[in-house]
């Protein structure tokens, strides 16, 4: 009787520990939405006119490169930079 109880306790501990590690990483979907919203405001375009590359890990956290089609103003390339917790740290326009 004692072995199944210990096994169940160990399993529960493993599940809780793995959940803690998984929660340390921000949700890629949330980062994508934050980047879309920030770029839309920055370049005054709807999210439909923004194309993003996949999320990439960086030394300081995460980054997403993208391009906003700003109509007559042309395409505007940019990078959204996030800290390790998923907070938008900066939106960096490319070029000018």
PDB file of N, CA and C in Angstrom:
ATOM      1  N   UNK A   1       0.811  -1.193   0.000  1.00  0.00           N
ATOM      2  CA  UNK A   1       0.000   0.000   0.000  1.00  0.00           C
ATOM      3  C   UNK A   1       0.860   1.264   0.000  1.00  0.00           C
ATOM      4  N   UNK A   2       1.985   1.190   0.595  1.00  0.00           N
ATOM      5  CA  UNK A   2       2.809   2.373   0.709  1.00  0.00           C
ATOM      6  C   UNK A   2       3.436   2.760  -0.636  1.00  0.00           C
ATOM      7  N   UNK A   3       3.810   1.813  -1.459  1.00  0.00           N
ATOM      8  CA  UNK A   3       4.446   2.090  -2.739  1.00  0.00           C
ATOM      9  C   UNK A   3       3.529   2.870  -3.686  1.00  0.00           C
ATOM     10  N   UNK A   4       2.248   2.490  -3.853  1.00  0.00           N
ATOM     11  CA  UNK A   4       1.392   3.285  -4.736  1.00  0.00           C
ATOM     12  C   UNK A   4       1.229   4.726  -4.258  1.00  0.00           C
ATOM     13  N   UNK A   5       1.179   4.941  -2.960  1.00  0.00           N
ATOM     14  CA  UNK A   5       1.038   6.290  -2.422  1.00  0.00           C
ATOM     15  C   UNK A   5       2.274   7.118  -2.734  1.00  0.00           C
ATOM     16  N   UNK A   6       3.449   6.531  -2.559  1.00  0.00           N
ATOM     17  CA  UNK A   6       4.691   7.236  -2.879  1.00  0.00           C
ATOM     18  C   UNK A   6       4.792   7.520  -4.375  1.00  0.00           C
ATOM     19  N   UNK A   7       4.383   6.550  -5.178  1.00  0.00           N
ATOM     20  CA  UNK A   7       4.415   6.730  -6.622  1.00  0.00           C
ATOM     21  C   UNK A   7       3.488   7.863  -7.037  1.00  0.00           C
ATOM     22  N   UNK A   8       2.293   7.910  -6.456  1.00  0.00           N
ATOM     23  CA  UNK A   8       1.343   8.966  -6.794  1.00  0.00           C
ATOM     24  C   UNK A   8       1.885  10.330  -6.351  1.00  0.00           C
ATOM     25  N   UNK A   9       2.492  10.399  -5.188  1.00  0.00           N
ATOM     26  CA  UNK A   9       3.052  11.657  -4.690  1.00  0.00           C
ATOM     27  C   UNK A   9       4.192  12.132  -5.589  1.00  0.00           C
ATOM     28  N   UNK A  10       5.041  11.194  -6.007  1.00  0.00           N
ATOM     29  CA  UNK A  10       6.149  11.541  -6.897  1.00  0.00           C
ATOM     30  C   UNK A  10       5.629  12.019  -8.243  1.00  0.00           C
ATOM     31  N   UNK A  11       4.597  11.364  -8.759  1.00  0.00           N
ATOM     32  CA  UNK A  11       4.011  11.773 -10.030  1.00  0.00           C
ATOM     33  C   UNK A  11       3.413  13.160  -9.933  1.00  0.00           C
ATOM     34  N   UNK A  12       2.709  13.438  -8.872  1.00  0.00           N
ATOM     35  CA  UNK A  12       2.108  14.741  -8.666  1.00  0.00           C
ATOM     36  C   UNK A  12       3.191  15.815  -8.585  1.00  0.00           C
ATOM     37  N   UNK A  13       4.275  15.521  -7.885  1.00  0.00           N
ATOM     38  CA  UNK A  13       5.388  16.465  -7.793  1.00  0.00           C
ATOM     39  C   UNK A  13       5.997  16.748  -9.150  1.00  0.00           C
ATOM     40  N   UNK A  14       6.134  15.723  -9.978  1.00  0.00           N
ATOM     41  CA  UNK A  14       6.682  15.889 -11.316  1.00  0.00           C
ATOM     42  C   UNK A  14       5.768  16.742 -12.172  1.00  0.00           C
ATOM     43  N   UNK A  15       4.469  16.512 -12.101  1.00  0.00           N
ATOM     44  CA  UNK A  15       3.510  17.299 -12.868  1.00  0.00           C
ATOM     45  C   UNK A  15       3.549  18.757 -12.432  1.00  0.00           C
ATOM     46  N   UNK A  16       3.579  19.008 -11.144  1.00  0.00           N
ATOM     47  CA  UNK A  16       3.634  20.381 -10.652  1.00  0.00           C
ATOM     48  C   UNK A  16       4.931  21.065 -11.053  1.00  0.00           C
ATOM     49  N   UNK A  17       6.033  20.350 -11.001  1.00  0.00           N
ATOM     50  CA  UNK A  17       7.323  20.920 -11.378  1.00  0.00           C
ATOM     51  C   UNK A  17       7.360  21.241 -12.870  1.00  0.00           C
ATOM     52  N   UNK A  18       6.841  20.361 -13.704  1.00  0.00           N
ATOM     53  CA  UNK A  18       6.856  20.620 -15.142  1.00  0.00           C
ATOM     54  C   UNK A  18       5.947  21.792 -15.478  1.00  0.00           C
ATOM     55  N   UNK A  19       4.859  21.962 -14.741  1.00  0.00           N
ATOM     56  CA  UNK A  19       3.978  23.099 -14.946  1.00  0.00           C
ATOM     57  C   UNK A  19       4.666  24.409 -14.607  1.00  0.00           C
ATOM     58  N   UNK A  20       5.501  24.394 -13.596  1.00  0.00           N
ATOM     59  CA  UNK A  20       6.224  25.605 -13.211  1.00  0.00           C
ATOM     60  C   UNK A  20       7.196  26.019 -14.300  1.00  0.00           C
ATOM     61  N   UNK A  21       7.885  25.054 -14.899  1.00  0.00           N
ATOM     62  CA  UNK A  21       8.814  25.378 -15.971  1.00  0.00           C
ATOM     63  C   UNK A  21       8.079  25.875 -17.204  1.00  0.00           C
ATOM     64  N   UNK A  22       6.976  25.267 -17.548  1.00  0.00           N
ATOM     65  CA  UNK A  22       6.222  25.669 -18.737  1.00  0.00           C
ATOM     66  C   UNK A  22       5.671  27.076 -18.576  1.00  0.00           C
ATOM     67  N   UNK A  23       5.284  27.449 -17.370  1.00  0.00           N
ATOM     68  CA  UNK A  23       4.708  28.769 -17.168  1.00  0.00           C
ATOM     69  C   UNK A  23       5.771  29.867 -17.194  1.00  0.00           C
ATOM     70  N   UNK A  24       7.050  29.506 -17.114  1.00  0.00           N
ATOM     71  CA  UNK A  24       8.114  30.495 -17.181  1.00  0.00           C
ATOM     72  C   UNK A  24       8.243  31.081 -18.578  1.00  0.00           C
ATOM     73  N   UNK A  25       7.843  30.327 -19.581  1.00  0.00           N
ATOM     74  CA  UNK A  25       7.932  30.801 -20.961  1.00  0.00           C
ATOM     75  C   UNK A  25       6.632  31.502 -21.343  1.00  0.00           C
ATOM     76  N   UNK A  26       6.729  32.691 -21.957  1.00  0.00           N
ATOM     77  CA  UNK A  26       5.505  33.379 -22.361  1.00  0.00           C
ATOM     78  C   UNK A  26       4.826  32.671 -23.535  1.00  0.00           C
ATOM     79  N   UNK A  27       3.534  32.861 -23.646  1.00  0.00           N
ATOM     80  CA  UNK A  27       2.737  32.278 -24.718  1.00  0.00           C
ATOM     81  C   UNK A  27       3.065  32.971 -26.046  1.00  0.00           C
ATOM     82  N   UNK A  28       3.550  32.233 -27.059  1.00  0.00           N
ATOM     83  CA  UNK A  28       3.890  32.846 -28.347  1.00  0.00           C
ATOM     84  C   UNK A  28       2.710  33.583 -28.987  1.00  0.00           C
ATOM     85  N   UNK A  29       1.500  33.075 -28.814  1.00  0.00           N
ATOM     86  CA  UNK A  29       0.329  33.742 -29.374  1.00  0.00           C
ATOM     87  C   UNK A  29       0.111  35.115 -28.768  1.00  0.00           C
ATOM     88  N   UNK A  30       0.337  35.229 -27.469  1.00  0.00           N
ATOM     89  CA  UNK A  30       0.183  36.524 -26.797  1.00  0.00           C
ATOM     90  C   UNK A  30       1.249  37.507 -27.265  1.00  0.00           C
ATOM     91  N   UNK A  31       2.474  37.027 -27.456  1.00  0.00           N
ATOM     92  CA  UNK A  31       3.545  37.899 -27.935  1.00  0.00           C
ATOM     93  C   UNK A  31       3.241  38.381 -29.351  1.00  0.00           C
ATOM     94  N   UNK A  32       2.720  37.486 -30.174  1.00  0.00           N
ATOM     95  CA  UNK A  32       2.348  37.859 -31.544  1.00  0.00           C
ATOM     96  C   UNK A  32       1.284  38.946 -31.528  1.00  0.00           C
ATOM     97  N   UNK A  33       0.266  38.790 -30.690  1.00  0.00           N
ATOM     98  CA  UNK A  33      -0.799  39.787 -30.606  1.00  0.00           C
ATOM     99  C   UNK A  33      -0.278  41.126 -30.088  1.00  0.00           C
ATOM    100  N   UNK A  34       0.619  41.096 -29.106  1.00  0.00           N
ATOM    101  CA  UNK A  34       1.201  42.337 -28.596  1.00  0.00           C
ATOM    102  C   UNK A  34       1.981  43.048 -29.696  1.00  0.00           C
ATOM    103  N   UNK A  35       2.720  42.278 -30.479  1.00  0.00           N
ATOM    104  CA  UNK A  35       3.522  42.851 -31.563  1.00  0.00           C
ATOM    105  C   UNK A  35       2.611  43.443 -32.646  1.00  0.00           C
ATOM    106  N   UNK A  36       1.563  42.719 -33.013  1.00  0.00           N
ATOM    107  CA  UNK A  36       0.615  43.225 -34.015  1.00  0.00           C
ATOM    108  C   UNK A  36      -0.011  44.540 -33.559  1.00  0.00           C
ATOM    109  N   UNK A  37      -0.453  44.585 -32.318  1.00  0.00           N
ATOM    110  CA  UNK A  37      -1.094  45.796 -31.796  1.00  0.00           C
ATOM    111  C   UNK A  37      -0.130  46.982 -31.769  1.00  0.00           C
ATOM    112  N   UNK A  38       1.100  46.749 -31.313  1.00  0.00           N
ATOM    113  CA  UNK A  38       2.092  47.824 -31.245  1.00  0.00           C
ATOM    114  C   UNK A  38       2.451  48.337 -32.639  1.00  0.00           C
ATOM    115  N   UNK A  39       2.633  47.427 -33.590  1.00  0.00           N
ATOM    116  CA  UNK A  39       2.981  47.833 -34.957  1.00  0.00           C
ATOM    117  C   UNK A  39       1.805  48.556 -35.617  1.00  0.00           C
ATOM    118  N   UNK A  40       0.595  48.081 -35.373  1.00  0.00           N
ATOM    119  CA  UNK A  40      -0.582  48.746 -35.929  1.00  0.00           C
ATOM    120  C   UNK A  40      -0.680  50.188 -35.468  1.00  0.00           C
ATOM    121  N   UNK A  41      -0.422  50.422 -34.182  1.00  0.00           N
ATOM    122  CA  UNK A  41      -0.448  51.785 -33.649  1.00  0.00           C
ATOM    123  C   UNK A  41       0.707  52.619 -34.188  1.00  0.00           C
ATOM    124  N   UNK A  42       1.889  52.027 -34.229  1.00  0.00           N
ATOM    125  CA  UNK A  42       3.092  52.746 -34.667  1.00  0.00           C
ATOM    126  C   UNK A  42       2.974  53.212 -36.122  1.00  0.00           C
ATOM    127  N   UNK A  43       2.477  52.315 -37.001  1.00  0.00           N
ATOM    128  CA  UNK A  43       2.431  52.634 -38.428  1.00  0.00           C
ATOM    129  C   UNK A  43       1.033  53.018 -38.905  1.00  0.00           C
ATOM    130  N   UNK A  44       0.080  53.106 -37.986  1.00  0.00           N
ATOM    131  CA  UNK A  44      -1.298  53.504 -38.273  1.00  0.00           C
ATOM    132  C   UNK A  44      -1.927  52.634 -39.363  1.00  0.00           C
ATOM    133  N   UNK A  45      -1.839  51.313 -39.163  1.00  0.00           N
ATOM    134  CA  UNK A  45      -2.439  50.350 -40.095  1.00  0.00           C
ATOM    135  C   UNK A  45      -3.218  49.295 -39.307  1.00  0.00           C
ATOM    136  N   UNK A  46      -4.137  48.630 -39.974  1.00  0.00           N
ATOM    137  CA  UNK A  46      -4.863  47.524 -39.360  1.00  0.00           C
ATOM    138  C   UNK A  46      -3.950  46.307 -39.297  1.00  0.00           C
ATOM    139  N   UNK A  47      -4.228  45.417 -38.364  1.00  0.00           N
ATOM    140  CA  UNK A  47      -3.408  44.216 -38.190  1.00  0.00           C
ATOM    141  C   UNK A  47      -3.365  43.359 -39.448  1.00  0.00           C
ATOM    142  N   UNK A  48      -4.401  43.443 -40.300  1.00  0.00           N
ATOM    143  CA  UNK A  48      -4.424  42.672 -41.547  1.00  0.00           C
ATOM    144  C   UNK A  48      -3.306  43.074 -42.501  1.00  0.00           C
ATOM    145  N   UNK A  49      -2.758  44.258 -42.325  1.00  0.00           N
ATOM    146  CA  UNK A  49      -1.703  44.760 -43.206  1.00  0.00           C
ATOM    147  C   UNK A  49      -0.308  44.546 -42.627  1.00  0.00           C
ATOM    148  N   UNK A  50      -0.214  43.692 -41.629  1.00  0.00           N
ATOM    149  CA  UNK A  50       1.065  43.410 -40.982  1.00  0.00           C
ATOM    150  C   UNK A  50       1.381  41.925 -41.125  1.00  0.00           C
ATOM    151  N   UNK A  51       2.598  41.632 -41.560  1.00  0.00           N
ATOM    152  CA  UNK A  51       3.068  40.239 -41.660  1.00  0.00           C
ATOM    153  C   UNK A  51       4.210  40.060 -40.670  1.00  0.00           C
ATOM    154  N   UNK A  52       4.111  38.977 -39.882  1.00  0.00           N
ATOM    155  CA  UNK A  52       5.137  38.689 -38.881  1.00  0.00           C
ATOM    156  C   UNK A  52       5.858  37.393 -39.170  1.00  0.00           C
ATOM    157  N   UNK A  53       7.126  37.356 -38.825  1.00  0.00           N
ATOM    158  CA  UNK A  53       7.926  36.143 -38.878  1.00  0.00           C
ATOM    159  C   UNK A  53       7.686  35.374 -37.572  1.00  0.00           C
ATOM    160  N   UNK A  54       8.112  34.124 -37.514  1.00  0.00           N
ATOM    161  CA  UNK A  54       7.958  33.360 -36.266  1.00  0.00           C
ATOM    162  C   UNK A  54       8.767  33.971 -35.115  1.00  0.00           C
ATOM    163  N   UNK A  55       8.308  33.720 -33.912  1.00  0.00           N
ATOM    164  CA  UNK A  55       8.974  34.161 -32.696  1.00  0.00           C
ATOM    165  C   UNK A  55      10.359  33.518 -32.613  1.00  0.00           C
ATOM    166  N   UNK A  56      11.356  34.321 -32.231  1.00  0.00           N
ATOM    167  CA  UNK A  56      12.723  33.811 -32.076  1.00  0.00           C
ATOM    168  C   UNK A  56      13.244  34.138 -30.684  1.00  0.00           C
ATOM    169  N   UNK A  57      14.006  33.230 -30.131  1.00  0.00           N
ATOM    170  CA  UNK A  57      14.661  33.485 -28.854  1.00  0.00           C
ATOM    171  C   UNK A  57      15.844  34.408 -29.091  1.00  0.00           C
ATOM    172  N   UNK A  58      16.052  35.350 -28.185  1.00  0.00           N
ATOM    173  CA  UNK A  58      17.182  36.275 -28.255  1.00  0.00           C
ATOM    174  C   UNK A  58      17.884  36.255 -26.899  1.00  0.00           C
ATOM    175  N   UNK A  59      19.062  36.863 -26.822  1.00  0.00           N
ATOM    176  CA  UNK A  59      19.822  36.883 -25.570  1.00  0.00           C
ATOM    177  C   UNK A  59      19.023  37.529 -24.436  1.00  0.00           C
ATOM    178  N   UNK A  60      18.337  38.614 -24.756  1.00  0.00           N
ATOM    179  CA  UNK A  60      17.618  39.353 -23.716  1.00  0.00           C
ATOM    180  C   UNK A  60      16.171  38.898 -23.554  1.00  0.00           C
ATOM    181  N   UNK A  61      15.704  37.981 -24.403  1.00  0.00           N
ATOM    182  CA  UNK A  61      14.325  37.505 -24.333  1.00  0.00           C
ATOM    183  C   UNK A  61      13.877  36.895 -25.643  1.00  0.00           C
ATOM    184  N   UNK A  62      12.983  37.612 -26.333  1.00  0.00           N
ATOM    185  CA  UNK A  62      12.413  37.111 -27.585  1.00  0.00           C
ATOM    186  C   UNK A  62      12.269  38.262 -28.576  1.00  0.00           C
ATOM    187  N   UNK A  63      12.184  37.923 -29.863  1.00  0.00           N
ATOM    188  CA  UNK A  63      11.962  38.954 -30.871  1.00  0.00           C
ATOM    189  C   UNK A  63      11.085  38.398 -31.992  1.00  0.00           C
ATOM    190  N   UNK A  64      10.382  39.319 -32.644  1.00  0.00           N
ATOM    191  CA  UNK A  64       9.557  38.995 -33.805  1.00  0.00           C
ATOM    192  C   UNK A  64       9.821  40.068 -34.851  1.00  0.00           C
ATOM    193  N   UNK A  65      10.277  39.663 -36.032  1.00  0.00           N
ATOM    194  CA  UNK A  65      10.478  40.593 -37.141  1.00  0.00           C
ATOM    195  C   UNK A  65       9.182  40.675 -37.935  1.00  0.00           C
ATOM    196  N   UNK A  66       8.955  41.845 -38.525  1.00  0.00           N
ATOM    197  CA  UNK A  66       7.727  42.001 -39.294  1.00  0.00           C
ATOM    198  C   UNK A  66       7.814  43.109 -40.313  1.00  0.00           C
ATOM    199  N   UNK A  67       6.755  43.181 -41.141  1.00  0.00           N
ATOM    200  CA  UNK A  67       6.627  44.214 -42.171  1.00  0.00           C
ATOM    201  C   UNK A  67       5.194  44.710 -42.141  1.00  0.00           C
ATOM    202  N   UNK A  68       5.039  46.037 -42.102  1.00  0.00           N
ATOM    203  CA  UNK A  68       3.713  46.650 -42.155  1.00  0.00           C
ATOM    204  C   UNK A  68       3.555  47.321 -43.511  1.00  0.00           C
ATOM    205  N   UNK A  69       2.463  47.032 -44.209  1.00  0.00           N
ATOM    206  CA  UNK A  69       2.173  47.684 -45.481  1.00  0.00           C
ATOM    207  C   UNK A  69       1.424  48.972 -45.169  1.00  0.00           C
ATOM    208  N   UNK A  70       2.134  50.098 -45.246  1.00  0.00           N
ATOM    209  CA  UNK A  70       1.577  51.393 -44.871  1.00  0.00           C
ATOM    210  C   UNK A  70       1.038  52.157 -46.079  1.00  0.00           C
ATOM    211  N   UNK A  71       0.599  51.449 -47.098  1.00  0.00           N
ATOM    212  CA  UNK A  71      -0.014  52.085 -48.268  1.00  0.00           C
ATOM    213  C   UNK A  71       0.946  52.974 -49.017  1.00  0.00           C
ATOM    214  N   UNK A  72       0.587  54.232 -49.169  1.00  0.00           N
ATOM    215  CA  UNK A  72       1.406  55.176 -49.932  1.00  0.00           C
ATOM    216  C   UNK A  72       2.786  55.388 -49.317  1.00  0.00           C
ATOM    217  N   UNK A  73       2.900  55.156 -48.011  1.00  0.00           N
ATOM    218  CA  UNK A  73       4.187  55.299 -47.323  1.00  0.00           C
ATOM    219  C   UNK A  73       5.091  54.078 -47.519  1.00  0.00           C
ATOM    220  N   UNK A  74       4.595  53.042 -48.173  1.00  0.00           N
ATOM    221  CA  UNK A  74       5.385  51.853 -48.469  1.00  0.00           C
ATOM    222  C   UNK A  74       5.427  50.850 -47.331  1.00  0.00           C
ATOM    223  N   UNK A  75       6.310  49.887 -47.474  1.00  0.00           N
ATOM    224  CA  UNK A  75       6.457  48.857 -46.452  1.00  0.00           C
ATOM    225  C   UNK A  75       7.418  49.330 -45.373  1.00  0.00           C
ATOM    226  N   UNK A  76       7.031  49.082 -44.154  1.00  0.00           N
ATOM    227  CA  UNK A  76       7.847  49.462 -43.005  1.00  0.00           C
ATOM    228  C   UNK A  76       8.284  48.206 -42.270  1.00  0.00           C
ATOM    229  N   UNK A  77       9.588  47.920 -42.286  1.00  0.00           N
ATOM    230  CA  UNK A  77      10.126  46.763 -41.579  1.00  0.00           C
ATOM    231  C   UNK A  77      10.416  47.151 -40.135  1.00  0.00           C
ATOM    232  N   UNK A  78      10.240  46.194 -39.236  1.00  0.00           N
ATOM    233  CA  UNK A  78      10.420  46.461 -37.819  1.00  0.00           C
ATOM    234  C   UNK A  78      10.711  45.169 -37.083  1.00  0.00           C
ATOM    235  N   UNK A  79      11.096  45.296 -35.822  1.00  0.00           N
ATOM    236  CA  UNK A  79      11.294  44.163 -34.929  1.00  0.00           C
ATOM    237  C   UNK A  79      10.685  44.491 -33.575  1.00  0.00           C
ATOM    238  N   UNK A  80       9.860  43.583 -33.079  1.00  0.00           N
ATOM    239  CA  UNK A  80       9.334  43.689 -31.714  1.00  0.00           C
ATOM    240  C   UNK A  80      10.285  42.939 -30.807  1.00  0.00           C
ATOM    241  N   UNK A  81      10.741  43.588 -29.751  1.00  0.00           N
ATOM    242  CA  UNK A  81      11.646  42.967 -28.795  1.00  0.00           C
ATOM    243  C   UNK A  81      10.932  42.808 -27.456  1.00  0.00           C
ATOM    244  N   UNK A  82      11.007  41.604 -26.887  1.00  0.00           N
ATOM    245  CA  UNK A  82      10.360  41.277 -25.622  1.00  0.00           C
ATOM    246  C   UNK A  82      11.398  40.854 -24.603  1.00  0.00           C
ATOM    247  N   UNK A  83      11.109  41.124 -23.335  1.00  0.00           N
ATOM    248  CA  UNK A  83      12.001  40.616 -22.292  1.00  0.00           C
ATOM    249  C   UNK A  83      11.683  39.137 -22.054  1.00  0.00           C
ATOM    250  N   UNK A  84      12.391  38.515 -21.137  1.00  0.00           N
ATOM    251  CA  UNK A  84      12.231  37.072 -20.905  1.00  0.00           C
ATOM    252  C   UNK A  84      10.861  36.707 -20.333  1.00  0.00           C
ATOM    253  N   UNK A  85      10.171  37.676 -19.735  1.00  0.00           N
ATOM    254  CA  UNK A  85       8.842  37.416 -19.184  1.00  0.00           C
ATOM    255  C   UNK A  85       7.727  37.685 -20.186  1.00  0.00           C
ATOM    256  N   UNK A  86       8.088  38.210 -21.367  1.00  0.00           N
ATOM    257  CA  UNK A  86       7.090  38.447 -22.409  1.00  0.00           C
ATOM    258  C   UNK A  86       6.572  39.861 -22.485  1.00  0.00           C
ATOM    259  N   UNK A  87       7.187  40.779 -21.759  1.00  0.00           N
ATOM    260  CA  UNK A  87       6.773  42.178 -21.814  1.00  0.00           C
ATOM    261  C   UNK A  87       7.425  42.834 -23.034  1.00  0.00           C
ATOM    262  N   UNK A  88       6.616  43.579 -23.811  1.00  0.00           N
ATOM    263  CA  UNK A  88       7.152  44.276 -24.974  1.00  0.00           C
ATOM    264  C   UNK A  88       8.112  45.343 -24.493  1.00  0.00           C
ATOM    265  N   UNK A  89       9.381  45.197 -24.837  1.00  0.00           N
ATOM    266  CA  UNK A  89      10.409  46.127 -24.394  1.00  0.00           C
ATOM    267  C   UNK A  89      10.588  47.266 -25.398  1.00  0.00           C
ATOM    268  N   UNK A  90      10.438  46.946 -26.707  1.00  0.00           N
ATOM    269  CA  UNK A  90      10.709  47.940 -27.727  1.00  0.00           C
ATOM    270  C   UNK A  90      10.178  47.481 -29.074  1.00  0.00           C
ATOM    271  N   UNK A  91       9.740  48.424 -29.899  1.00  0.00           N
ATOM    272  CA  UNK A  91       9.436  48.171 -31.298  1.00  0.00           C
ATOM    273  C   UNK A  91      10.439  48.990 -32.089  1.00  0.00           C
ATOM    274  N   UNK A  92      11.328  48.313 -32.801  1.00  0.00           N
ATOM    275  CA  UNK A  92      12.435  48.967 -33.479  1.00  0.00           C
ATOM    276  C   UNK A  92      12.165  49.013 -34.982  1.00  0.00           C
ATOM    277  N   UNK A  93      11.912  50.221 -35.535  1.00  0.00           N
ATOM    278  CA  UNK A  93      11.745  50.329 -36.989  1.00  0.00           C
ATOM    279  C   UNK A  93      13.104  50.139 -37.674  1.00  0.00           C
ATOM    280  N   UNK A  94      13.084  49.545 -38.848  1.00  0.00           N
ATOM    281  CA  UNK A  94      14.332  49.345 -39.592  1.00  0.00           C
ATOM    282  C   UNK A  94      14.593  50.566 -40.470  1.00  0.00           C
ATOM    283  N   UNK A  95      15.838  50.938 -40.570  1.00  0.00           N
ATOM    284  CA  UNK A  95      16.192  52.051 -41.467  1.00  0.00           C
ATOM    285  C   UNK A  95      16.023  53.390 -40.804  1.00  0.00           C
ATOM    286  N   UNK A  96      15.280  54.265 -41.451  1.00  0.00           N
ATOM    287  CA  UNK A  96      15.133  55.661 -41.031  1.00  0.00           C
ATOM    288  C   UNK A  96      14.719  55.809 -39.607  1.00  0.00           C
TER     289      UNK A  96
END
